[in-house]
């Protein structure tokens, strides 16, 4: 199905973050993946040593937080600016 065992720990973390973002629950039916695929993604993620917040964003709708935003966008937002 997917290579859930990239060669290095850093690559596994990047891979897991990417998969979690792709499967992230948005609350918008047109964007969310189906429940069968979500279950498959969660099964793979549960076998990895990742932050619990990454699994949580696949399970339920949560707003991106500071660390996730920095990893997604590559830099922090200026003080006072928020992505809604």
N, C-alpha and C. Protein backbone atom coordinates (compact mmCIF):
# COMPACT_ATOMS: atom_id res chain seq x y z
N UNK A 1 0.83 -1.19 0.00
CA UNK A 1 0.00 0.00 0.00
C UNK A 1 0.88 1.26 0.00
N UNK A 2 1.72 1.52 1.00
CA UNK A 2 2.61 2.67 1.09
C UNK A 2 3.86 2.23 1.83
N UNK A 3 4.89 2.92 1.58
CA UNK A 3 6.13 2.63 2.28
C UNK A 3 6.08 3.34 3.63
N UNK A 4 5.66 2.63 4.66
CA UNK A 4 5.53 3.23 5.99
C UNK A 4 6.81 3.08 6.80
N UNK A 5 7.90 2.74 6.13
CA UNK A 5 9.15 2.57 6.84
C UNK A 5 10.29 3.23 6.08
N UNK A 6 10.23 4.56 5.90
CA UNK A 6 11.35 5.25 5.26
C UNK A 6 12.64 4.99 6.03
N UNK A 7 13.75 5.19 5.35
CA UNK A 7 15.06 4.76 5.85
C UNK A 7 15.50 5.38 7.17
N UNK A 8 15.29 6.66 7.37
CA UNK A 8 15.80 7.30 8.58
C UNK A 8 14.67 7.80 9.47
N UNK A 9 15.00 8.03 10.74
CA UNK A 9 14.01 8.51 11.70
C UNK A 9 13.44 9.86 11.26
N UNK A 10 14.29 10.75 10.78
CA UNK A 10 13.82 12.07 10.34
C UNK A 10 12.88 11.94 9.14
N UNK A 11 13.23 11.06 8.22
CA UNK A 11 12.36 10.86 7.05
C UNK A 11 11.04 10.23 7.46
N UNK A 12 11.06 9.32 8.45
CA UNK A 12 9.81 8.72 8.94
C UNK A 12 8.91 9.79 9.55
N UNK A 13 9.51 10.70 10.32
CA UNK A 13 8.72 11.77 10.94
C UNK A 13 8.13 12.69 9.87
N UNK A 14 8.93 13.05 8.87
CA UNK A 14 8.41 13.89 7.78
C UNK A 14 7.30 13.17 7.03
N UNK A 15 7.52 11.89 6.77
CA UNK A 15 6.53 11.08 6.05
C UNK A 15 5.23 11.02 6.86
N UNK A 16 5.32 10.74 8.16
CA UNK A 16 4.14 10.62 9.01
C UNK A 16 3.39 11.95 9.08
N UNK A 17 4.12 13.06 9.17
CA UNK A 17 3.47 14.37 9.20
C UNK A 17 2.72 14.63 7.90
N UNK A 18 3.34 14.29 6.80
CA UNK A 18 2.71 14.47 5.49
C UNK A 18 1.44 13.63 5.37
N UNK A 19 1.52 12.38 5.75
CA UNK A 19 0.35 11.50 5.69
C UNK A 19 -0.76 12.02 6.59
N UNK A 20 -0.41 12.45 7.79
CA UNK A 20 -1.42 12.99 8.71
C UNK A 20 -2.06 14.25 8.14
N UNK A 21 -1.28 15.10 7.50
CA UNK A 21 -1.84 16.31 6.90
C UNK A 21 -2.77 15.97 5.74
N UNK A 22 -2.39 15.00 4.94
CA UNK A 22 -3.24 14.61 3.81
C UNK A 22 -4.56 14.01 4.28
N UNK A 23 -4.53 13.32 5.41
CA UNK A 23 -5.73 12.67 5.94
C UNK A 23 -6.44 13.53 6.99
N UNK A 24 -5.91 14.70 7.26
CA UNK A 24 -6.46 15.59 8.29
C UNK A 24 -7.96 15.80 8.09
N UNK A 25 -8.70 15.74 9.17
CA UNK A 25 -10.15 15.98 9.12
C UNK A 25 -10.38 17.48 9.12
N UNK A 26 -11.11 17.96 8.10
CA UNK A 26 -11.36 19.39 7.97
C UNK A 26 -12.78 19.78 8.36
N UNK A 27 -13.69 18.82 8.35
CA UNK A 27 -15.09 19.13 8.59
C UNK A 27 -15.82 19.50 7.31
N UNK A 28 -15.11 19.49 6.20
CA UNK A 28 -15.70 19.78 4.89
C UNK A 28 -15.74 18.47 4.09
N UNK A 29 -16.94 18.03 3.79
CA UNK A 29 -17.12 16.73 3.15
C UNK A 29 -16.34 16.61 1.84
N UNK A 30 -16.24 17.68 1.10
CA UNK A 30 -15.54 17.64 -0.19
C UNK A 30 -14.02 17.46 -0.03
N UNK A 31 -13.47 17.81 1.13
CA UNK A 31 -12.04 17.72 1.35
C UNK A 31 -11.62 16.51 2.17
N UNK A 32 -12.51 16.03 3.03
CA UNK A 32 -12.16 14.92 3.92
C UNK A 32 -12.13 13.60 3.18
N UNK A 33 -11.20 12.72 3.57
CA UNK A 33 -11.13 11.39 2.99
C UNK A 33 -12.23 10.53 3.61
N UNK A 34 -12.54 9.42 2.97
CA UNK A 34 -13.60 8.55 3.50
C UNK A 34 -13.13 7.82 4.75
N UNK A 35 -14.08 7.32 5.51
CA UNK A 35 -13.78 6.70 6.80
C UNK A 35 -12.90 5.46 6.68
N UNK A 36 -13.04 4.71 5.60
CA UNK A 36 -12.20 3.53 5.40
C UNK A 36 -10.73 3.90 5.26
N UNK A 37 -10.46 4.93 4.46
CA UNK A 37 -9.08 5.38 4.30
C UNK A 37 -8.55 6.01 5.58
N UNK A 38 -9.42 6.74 6.28
CA UNK A 38 -9.00 7.35 7.55
C UNK A 38 -8.60 6.27 8.55
N UNK A 39 -9.37 5.19 8.60
CA UNK A 39 -9.05 4.08 9.49
C UNK A 39 -7.71 3.46 9.13
N UNK A 40 -7.45 3.30 7.83
CA UNK A 40 -6.17 2.74 7.38
C UNK A 40 -5.01 3.66 7.75
N UNK A 41 -5.18 4.96 7.57
CA UNK A 41 -4.14 5.92 7.92
C UNK A 41 -3.87 5.87 9.43
N UNK A 42 -4.93 5.85 10.22
CA UNK A 42 -4.75 5.80 11.68
C UNK A 42 -4.05 4.52 12.11
N UNK A 43 -4.33 3.42 11.46
CA UNK A 43 -3.66 2.16 11.80
C UNK A 43 -2.16 2.27 11.56
N UNK A 44 -1.76 2.90 10.47
CA UNK A 44 -0.34 3.09 10.17
C UNK A 44 0.29 4.07 11.17
N UNK A 45 -0.39 5.18 11.43
CA UNK A 45 0.15 6.19 12.33
C UNK A 45 0.28 5.68 13.76
N UNK A 46 -0.63 4.82 14.19
CA UNK A 46 -0.57 4.31 15.56
C UNK A 46 0.66 3.44 15.78
N UNK A 47 1.22 2.90 14.71
CA UNK A 47 2.41 2.09 14.84
C UNK A 47 3.69 2.89 14.83
N UNK A 48 3.58 4.20 14.71
CA UNK A 48 4.76 5.06 14.64
C UNK A 48 4.88 5.91 15.90
N UNK A 49 6.10 6.29 16.23
CA UNK A 49 6.35 7.14 17.38
C UNK A 49 6.22 8.60 16.93
N UNK A 50 4.98 9.12 16.98
CA UNK A 50 4.70 10.49 16.54
C UNK A 50 3.95 11.22 17.64
N UNK A 51 3.92 12.55 17.57
CA UNK A 51 3.14 13.30 18.56
C UNK A 51 1.66 12.92 18.50
N UNK A 52 1.01 12.78 19.64
CA UNK A 52 -0.42 12.43 19.66
C UNK A 52 -1.28 13.42 18.87
N UNK A 53 -0.85 14.67 18.78
CA UNK A 53 -1.62 15.68 18.05
C UNK A 53 -1.75 15.33 16.57
N UNK A 54 -0.76 14.63 16.01
CA UNK A 54 -0.83 14.25 14.60
C UNK A 54 -1.94 13.23 14.37
N UNK A 55 -2.09 12.28 15.28
CA UNK A 55 -3.19 11.31 15.16
C UNK A 55 -4.53 12.02 15.41
N UNK A 56 -4.53 12.94 16.37
CA UNK A 56 -5.77 13.63 16.72
C UNK A 56 -6.32 14.42 15.53
N UNK A 57 -5.42 15.04 14.72
CA UNK A 57 -5.91 15.83 13.59
C UNK A 57 -6.51 14.96 12.49
N UNK A 58 -6.19 13.67 12.49
CA UNK A 58 -6.81 12.74 11.55
C UNK A 58 -8.16 12.28 12.10
N UNK A 59 -8.25 12.16 13.42
CA UNK A 59 -9.47 11.67 14.06
C UNK A 59 -10.56 12.72 14.18
N UNK A 60 -10.18 13.97 14.39
CA UNK A 60 -11.17 15.03 14.61
C UNK A 60 -10.68 16.36 14.05
N UNK A 61 -11.61 17.29 13.90
CA UNK A 61 -11.27 18.61 13.37
C UNK A 61 -10.55 19.41 14.46
N UNK A 62 -9.32 19.81 14.18
CA UNK A 62 -8.55 20.66 15.09
C UNK A 62 -7.83 21.72 14.25
N UNK A 63 -7.73 22.92 14.80
CA UNK A 63 -7.02 24.01 14.11
C UNK A 63 -5.52 23.75 14.18
N UNK A 64 -4.78 24.07 13.12
CA UNK A 64 -3.33 23.90 13.17
C UNK A 64 -2.74 24.79 14.26
N UNK A 65 -1.78 24.24 15.00
CA UNK A 65 -1.13 25.00 16.07
C UNK A 65 0.24 25.47 15.60
N UNK A 66 0.92 26.24 16.43
CA UNK A 66 2.18 26.87 16.08
C UNK A 66 3.21 25.97 15.43
N UNK A 67 3.50 24.83 16.07
CA UNK A 67 4.53 23.93 15.54
C UNK A 67 4.11 23.34 14.21
N UNK A 68 2.83 22.98 14.10
CA UNK A 68 2.33 22.43 12.84
C UNK A 68 2.37 23.47 11.73
N UNK A 69 1.99 24.71 12.05
CA UNK A 69 2.03 25.78 11.06
C UNK A 69 3.46 26.01 10.58
N UNK A 70 4.40 26.01 11.52
CA UNK A 70 5.79 26.22 11.14
C UNK A 70 6.28 25.10 10.23
N UNK A 71 5.89 23.86 10.52
CA UNK A 71 6.32 22.75 9.69
C UNK A 71 5.63 22.81 8.33
N UNK A 72 4.39 23.25 8.28
CA UNK A 72 3.66 23.35 7.01
C UNK A 72 4.19 24.47 6.14
N UNK A 73 4.39 25.63 6.74
CA UNK A 73 4.70 26.82 5.96
C UNK A 73 6.18 27.20 5.99
N UNK A 74 6.95 26.54 6.82
CA UNK A 74 8.39 26.76 6.83
C UNK A 74 8.85 27.93 7.67
N UNK A 75 7.96 28.70 8.19
CA UNK A 75 8.35 29.83 9.05
C UNK A 75 7.15 30.21 9.90
N UNK A 76 7.40 30.91 10.97
CA UNK A 76 6.31 31.34 11.82
C UNK A 76 5.65 32.59 11.26
N UNK A 77 4.41 32.79 11.66
CA UNK A 77 3.69 33.97 11.22
C UNK A 77 4.08 35.15 12.09
N UNK A 78 4.01 36.36 11.55
CA UNK A 78 4.29 37.54 12.38
C UNK A 78 3.33 37.62 13.55
N UNK A 79 3.76 38.22 14.64
CA UNK A 79 2.92 38.37 15.83
C UNK A 79 1.63 39.06 15.44
N UNK A 80 0.52 38.50 15.89
CA UNK A 80 -0.78 39.08 15.61
C UNK A 80 -1.45 38.53 14.36
N UNK A 81 -0.73 37.88 13.49
CA UNK A 81 -1.30 37.31 12.28
C UNK A 81 -1.62 35.85 12.53
N UNK A 82 -2.86 35.45 12.24
CA UNK A 82 -3.28 34.06 12.46
C UNK A 82 -3.97 33.55 11.21
N UNK A 83 -3.79 32.26 10.96
CA UNK A 83 -4.50 31.61 9.87
C UNK A 83 -5.78 31.05 10.44
N UNK A 84 -6.91 31.40 9.87
CA UNK A 84 -8.19 30.91 10.37
C UNK A 84 -8.71 29.80 9.51
